[in-house]
Amino acid sequence: MFRACLGGSGKIGQRQRNAPEALEHDFLGRRGFDEGYHDITWRGMTLAKVFVKPTLAAKDLVSVTACHELCEMLIDPMATLWCEGPRSTLWAYEVCDAVEEETFEINGIVMSDFVFPAYFDLFRLKRPGSAQYDYLKRVRRPFHILKSGYSGIRHNRRTVEKFGSRDKAKRFALEDRRWHRSQFRKRNRANW
C-alpha cells in the first residue's frame, strides 16, 4: 500500500531498492511475531516492515500497522531518540505508542493516530491548551498517555514502560517482546 504510493508495485513480499516500507506475508525469525518494525539497513536506508499474517492473527488491520510503522520510521528510524520529560525523566520519541489503537479513516483506509512534536514539549505542561498534541485531538497535554497507549520512560538509568491503563499493561504482558525495539532501549547501547 505505502510502497505503491511511493512509486513501487505494492506487491506483498516483493523487494524494491530504496523502498522505505515493505509488506511481507509472514515473519517467524528471531524477532518473534511482531506485526511490524522499523530500523535502518546496514547501508543507512530507513526501513519499515509490516507482517501481514501476524497482524491479521492479532485481529489488527494491516493499514493501521503500516501507518504506525511508517510514522515512527520517518521520525526516529533507529528508535534511539529521547526527549526530556517531567520529573527528570526521558521519554522515548515514539509518535504512535502513546495513542496506540486509536484510529481514523482517510478515503476509507483506516490509519493509526499519531502525536505531534508539541506532545514532547516540556514547557507546554504549564499551558496545556496551547497546542494540538495528536491528530485526533484526544491527548489533552504533553506526555499524556491514552488508555490504549504506552511509552518507554527512562529515569536514573532504568527504562520502563508506562501504560495508559491496566488493560493495556495486561495485553502488553502477553506479547513476545524479546526482540522488540523497546527492549533495545532498555540496554546500554554498547551492549547491542
Protein backbone atom coordinates (compact mmCIF):
# COMPACT_ATOMS: atom_id res chain seq x y z
CA MET A 1 0.00 0.00 0.00
CA PHE A 2 2.61 2.59 1.03
CA ARG A 3 5.17 1.30 -1.45
CA ALA A 4 2.64 1.75 -4.24
CA CYS A 5 2.21 5.37 -3.15
CA LEU A 6 5.96 5.83 -3.20
CA GLY A 7 6.50 4.53 -6.71
CA GLY A 8 6.68 0.75 -6.23
CA SER A 9 4.39 -2.04 -7.32
CA GLY A 10 2.91 -2.62 -3.87
CA LYS A 11 3.02 -6.42 -4.26
CA ILE A 12 3.40 -8.27 -0.99
CA GLY A 13 6.84 -9.75 -0.44
CA GLN A 14 8.41 -8.08 -3.48
CA ARG A 15 11.60 -6.24 -2.63
CA GLN A 16 12.39 -2.96 -4.24
CA ARG A 17 15.58 -0.97 -4.00
CA ASN A 18 15.35 2.05 -1.68
CA ALA A 19 11.74 1.20 -0.70
CA PRO A 20 11.17 2.54 2.82
CA GLU A 21 8.37 0.14 3.69
CA ALA A 22 7.64 -3.45 2.73
CA LEU A 23 4.67 -5.73 3.29
CA GLU A 24 5.61 -9.34 3.96
CA HIS A 25 3.31 -12.34 4.32
CA ASP A 26 4.89 -13.68 7.47
CA PHE A 27 7.93 -13.42 9.68
CA LEU A 28 8.97 -16.14 12.07
CA GLY A 29 12.54 -15.08 12.73
CA ARG A 30 14.35 -14.13 15.87
CA ARG A 31 12.06 -11.15 16.46
CA GLY A 32 9.15 -13.40 17.39
CA PHE A 33 5.75 -12.48 15.99
CA ASP A 34 5.97 -8.72 15.57
CA GLU A 35 3.28 -7.11 13.47
CA GLY A 36 5.91 -4.71 12.19
CA TYR A 37 9.08 -2.83 12.99
CA HIS A 38 11.28 -0.01 11.75
CA ASP A 39 15.04 0.25 11.57
CA ILE A 40 17.96 1.30 9.37
CA THR A 41 19.68 -1.06 6.95
CA TRP A 42 23.44 -1.59 7.02
CA ARG A 43 23.58 0.84 4.08
CA GLY A 44 21.89 3.57 6.11
CA MET A 45 18.50 3.34 4.41
CA THR A 46 15.37 3.63 6.52
CA LEU A 47 13.25 0.50 6.56
CA ALA A 48 9.85 -0.43 7.95
CA LYS A 49 8.32 -3.88 7.64
CA VAL A 50 4.74 -4.94 8.21
CA PHE A 51 3.96 -8.63 8.62
CA VAL A 52 0.53 -9.45 7.28
CA LYS A 53 -0.19 -12.83 8.93
CA PRO A 54 0.78 -11.82 12.49
CA THR A 55 -1.16 -8.55 12.09
CA LEU A 56 -4.29 -10.36 10.94
CA ALA A 57 -3.84 -13.06 13.62
CA ALA A 58 -3.86 -10.29 16.25
CA LYS A 59 -7.13 -9.07 14.69
CA ASP A 60 -5.48 -5.80 13.72
CA LEU A 61 -5.64 -4.00 10.38
CA VAL A 62 -2.60 -4.06 8.09
CA SER A 63 -3.20 -0.40 7.19
CA VAL A 64 -3.02 0.62 10.87
CA THR A 65 0.21 -1.31 11.46
CA ALA A 66 1.69 0.12 8.25
CA CYS A 67 0.74 3.67 9.23
CA HIS A 68 2.16 3.18 12.74
CA GLU A 69 5.50 1.88 11.45
CA LEU A 70 5.77 4.46 8.68
CA CYS A 71 5.16 7.37 11.07
CA GLU A 72 7.69 6.10 13.58
CA MET A 73 10.24 5.25 10.87
CA LEU A 74 10.07 8.77 9.46
CA ILE A 75 10.62 10.41 12.87
CA ASP A 76 13.07 8.02 14.56
CA PRO A 77 14.13 5.12 12.33
CA MET A 78 16.62 3.58 14.76
CA ALA A 79 14.43 4.12 17.86
CA THR A 80 17.23 5.99 19.62
CA LEU A 81 15.72 9.45 20.18
CA TRP A 82 14.66 10.58 23.65
CA CYS A 83 13.23 13.83 24.95
CA GLU A 84 13.28 15.45 28.35
CA GLY A 85 10.07 14.73 30.24
CA PRO A 86 8.50 15.62 33.58
CA ARG A 87 10.31 14.94 36.88
CA SER A 88 13.78 14.43 35.38
CA THR A 89 12.70 11.61 33.07
CA LEU A 90 13.49 10.87 29.45
CA TRP A 91 10.66 9.76 27.16
CA ALA A 92 11.12 7.60 24.07
CA TYR A 93 10.37 9.67 20.97
CA GLU A 94 7.78 7.23 19.61
CA VAL A 95 4.99 9.09 17.84
CA CYS A 96 2.33 6.35 17.79
CA ASP A 97 2.78 4.40 21.02
CA ALA A 98 1.09 6.87 23.39
CA VAL A 99 -2.03 6.85 21.20
CA GLU A 100 -1.80 3.22 20.07
CA GLU A 101 -5.07 1.56 19.00
CA GLU A 102 -6.67 4.95 18.20
CA THR A 103 -7.58 5.16 14.51
CA PHE A 104 -9.15 7.38 11.86
CA GLU A 105 -10.08 6.97 8.20
CA ILE A 106 -8.74 8.66 5.08
CA ASN A 107 -10.67 7.77 1.92
CA GLY A 108 -11.94 4.57 3.55
CA ILE A 109 -8.48 3.41 4.73
CA VAL A 110 -8.06 3.08 8.49
CA MET A 111 -4.92 4.80 9.79
CA SER A 112 -3.12 4.98 13.15
CA ASP A 113 -3.34 8.11 15.28
CA PHE A 114 -0.02 9.86 15.98
CA VAL A 115 1.26 12.64 18.20
CA PHE A 116 2.63 15.97 17.01
CA PRO A 117 6.00 17.45 18.11
CA ALA A 118 4.18 19.59 20.72
CA TYR A 119 3.46 16.36 22.62
CA PHE A 120 7.16 16.22 23.58
CA ASP A 121 7.45 19.91 24.61
CA LEU A 122 8.10 20.02 28.34
CA PHE A 123 7.35 23.75 28.58
CA ARG A 124 3.77 23.15 27.40
CA LEU A 125 2.90 21.40 30.68
CA LYS A 126 2.33 24.88 32.13
CA ARG A 127 -0.02 25.78 29.24
CA PRO A 128 -1.64 22.52 28.09
CA GLY A 129 -4.23 24.23 25.88
CA SER A 130 -1.57 25.97 23.80
CA ALA A 131 -1.28 23.29 21.09
CA GLN A 132 -2.80 20.23 19.44
CA TYR A 133 -1.00 17.10 20.63
CA ASP A 134 -2.32 14.35 18.37
CA TYR A 135 -4.19 14.09 15.09
CA LEU A 136 -7.49 13.02 16.68
CA LYS A 137 -7.32 15.71 19.39
CA ARG A 138 -7.73 13.18 22.20
CA VAL A 139 -4.49 13.96 24.01
CA ARG A 140 -5.04 16.94 26.34
CA ARG A 141 -1.49 17.75 27.45
CA PRO A 142 2.15 16.80 26.77
CA PHE A 143 3.21 13.34 27.91
CA HIS A 144 -0.42 12.21 28.35
CA ILE A 145 -0.83 8.52 27.51
CA LEU A 146 -4.26 7.40 26.33
CA LYS A 147 -5.86 4.28 27.84
CA SER A 148 -4.79 2.13 24.90
CA GLY A 149 -1.25 3.53 24.76
CA TYR A 150 2.12 3.24 26.43
CA SER A 151 5.51 4.91 26.43
CA GLY A 152 9.09 3.99 27.26
CA ILE A 153 10.36 6.18 30.08
CA ARG A 154 13.89 6.38 31.42
CA HIS A 155 14.72 7.57 34.94
CA ASN A 156 18.04 7.10 36.73
CA ARG A 157 19.42 4.74 34.04
CA ARG A 158 16.38 2.47 34.26
CA THR A 159 13.88 2.21 31.41
CA VAL A 160 10.31 1.06 32.00
CA GLU A 161 7.04 1.09 30.10
CA LYS A 162 4.29 3.33 31.40
CA PHE A 163 0.78 2.30 30.39
CA GLY A 164 -2.38 4.30 29.93
CA SER A 165 -4.46 1.62 31.67
CA ARG A 166 -4.21 -1.72 33.45
CA ASP A 167 -5.90 -3.39 30.48
CA LYS A 168 -3.13 -2.16 28.17
CA ALA A 169 -0.48 -3.40 30.63
CA LYS A 170 -2.15 -6.86 30.65
CA ARG A 171 -2.30 -7.03 26.83
CA PHE A 172 1.29 -5.82 26.62
CA ALA A 173 2.45 -8.53 29.07
CA LEU A 174 1.05 -11.23 26.76
CA GLU A 175 3.18 -10.09 23.80
CA ASP A 176 6.54 -11.64 22.98
CA ARG A 177 8.74 -8.54 23.33
CA ARG A 178 12.18 -10.18 23.38
CA TRP A 179 13.33 -8.63 20.08
CA HIS A 180 11.09 -5.58 20.09
CA ARG A 181 12.84 -2.20 19.69
CA SER A 182 11.56 -1.14 23.13
CA GLN A 183 13.78 -3.82 24.68
CA PHE A 184 16.86 -2.38 22.97
CA ARG A 185 16.12 0.99 24.57
CA LYS A 186 16.49 -0.71 27.96
CA ARG A 187 20.04 -1.82 27.24
CA ASN A 188 23.23 0.13 27.21
CA ARG A 189 23.92 0.89 23.55
CA ALA A 190 27.42 -0.61 23.85
CA ASN A 191 25.78 -4.00 24.61
CA TRP A 192 23.59 -4.15 21.49
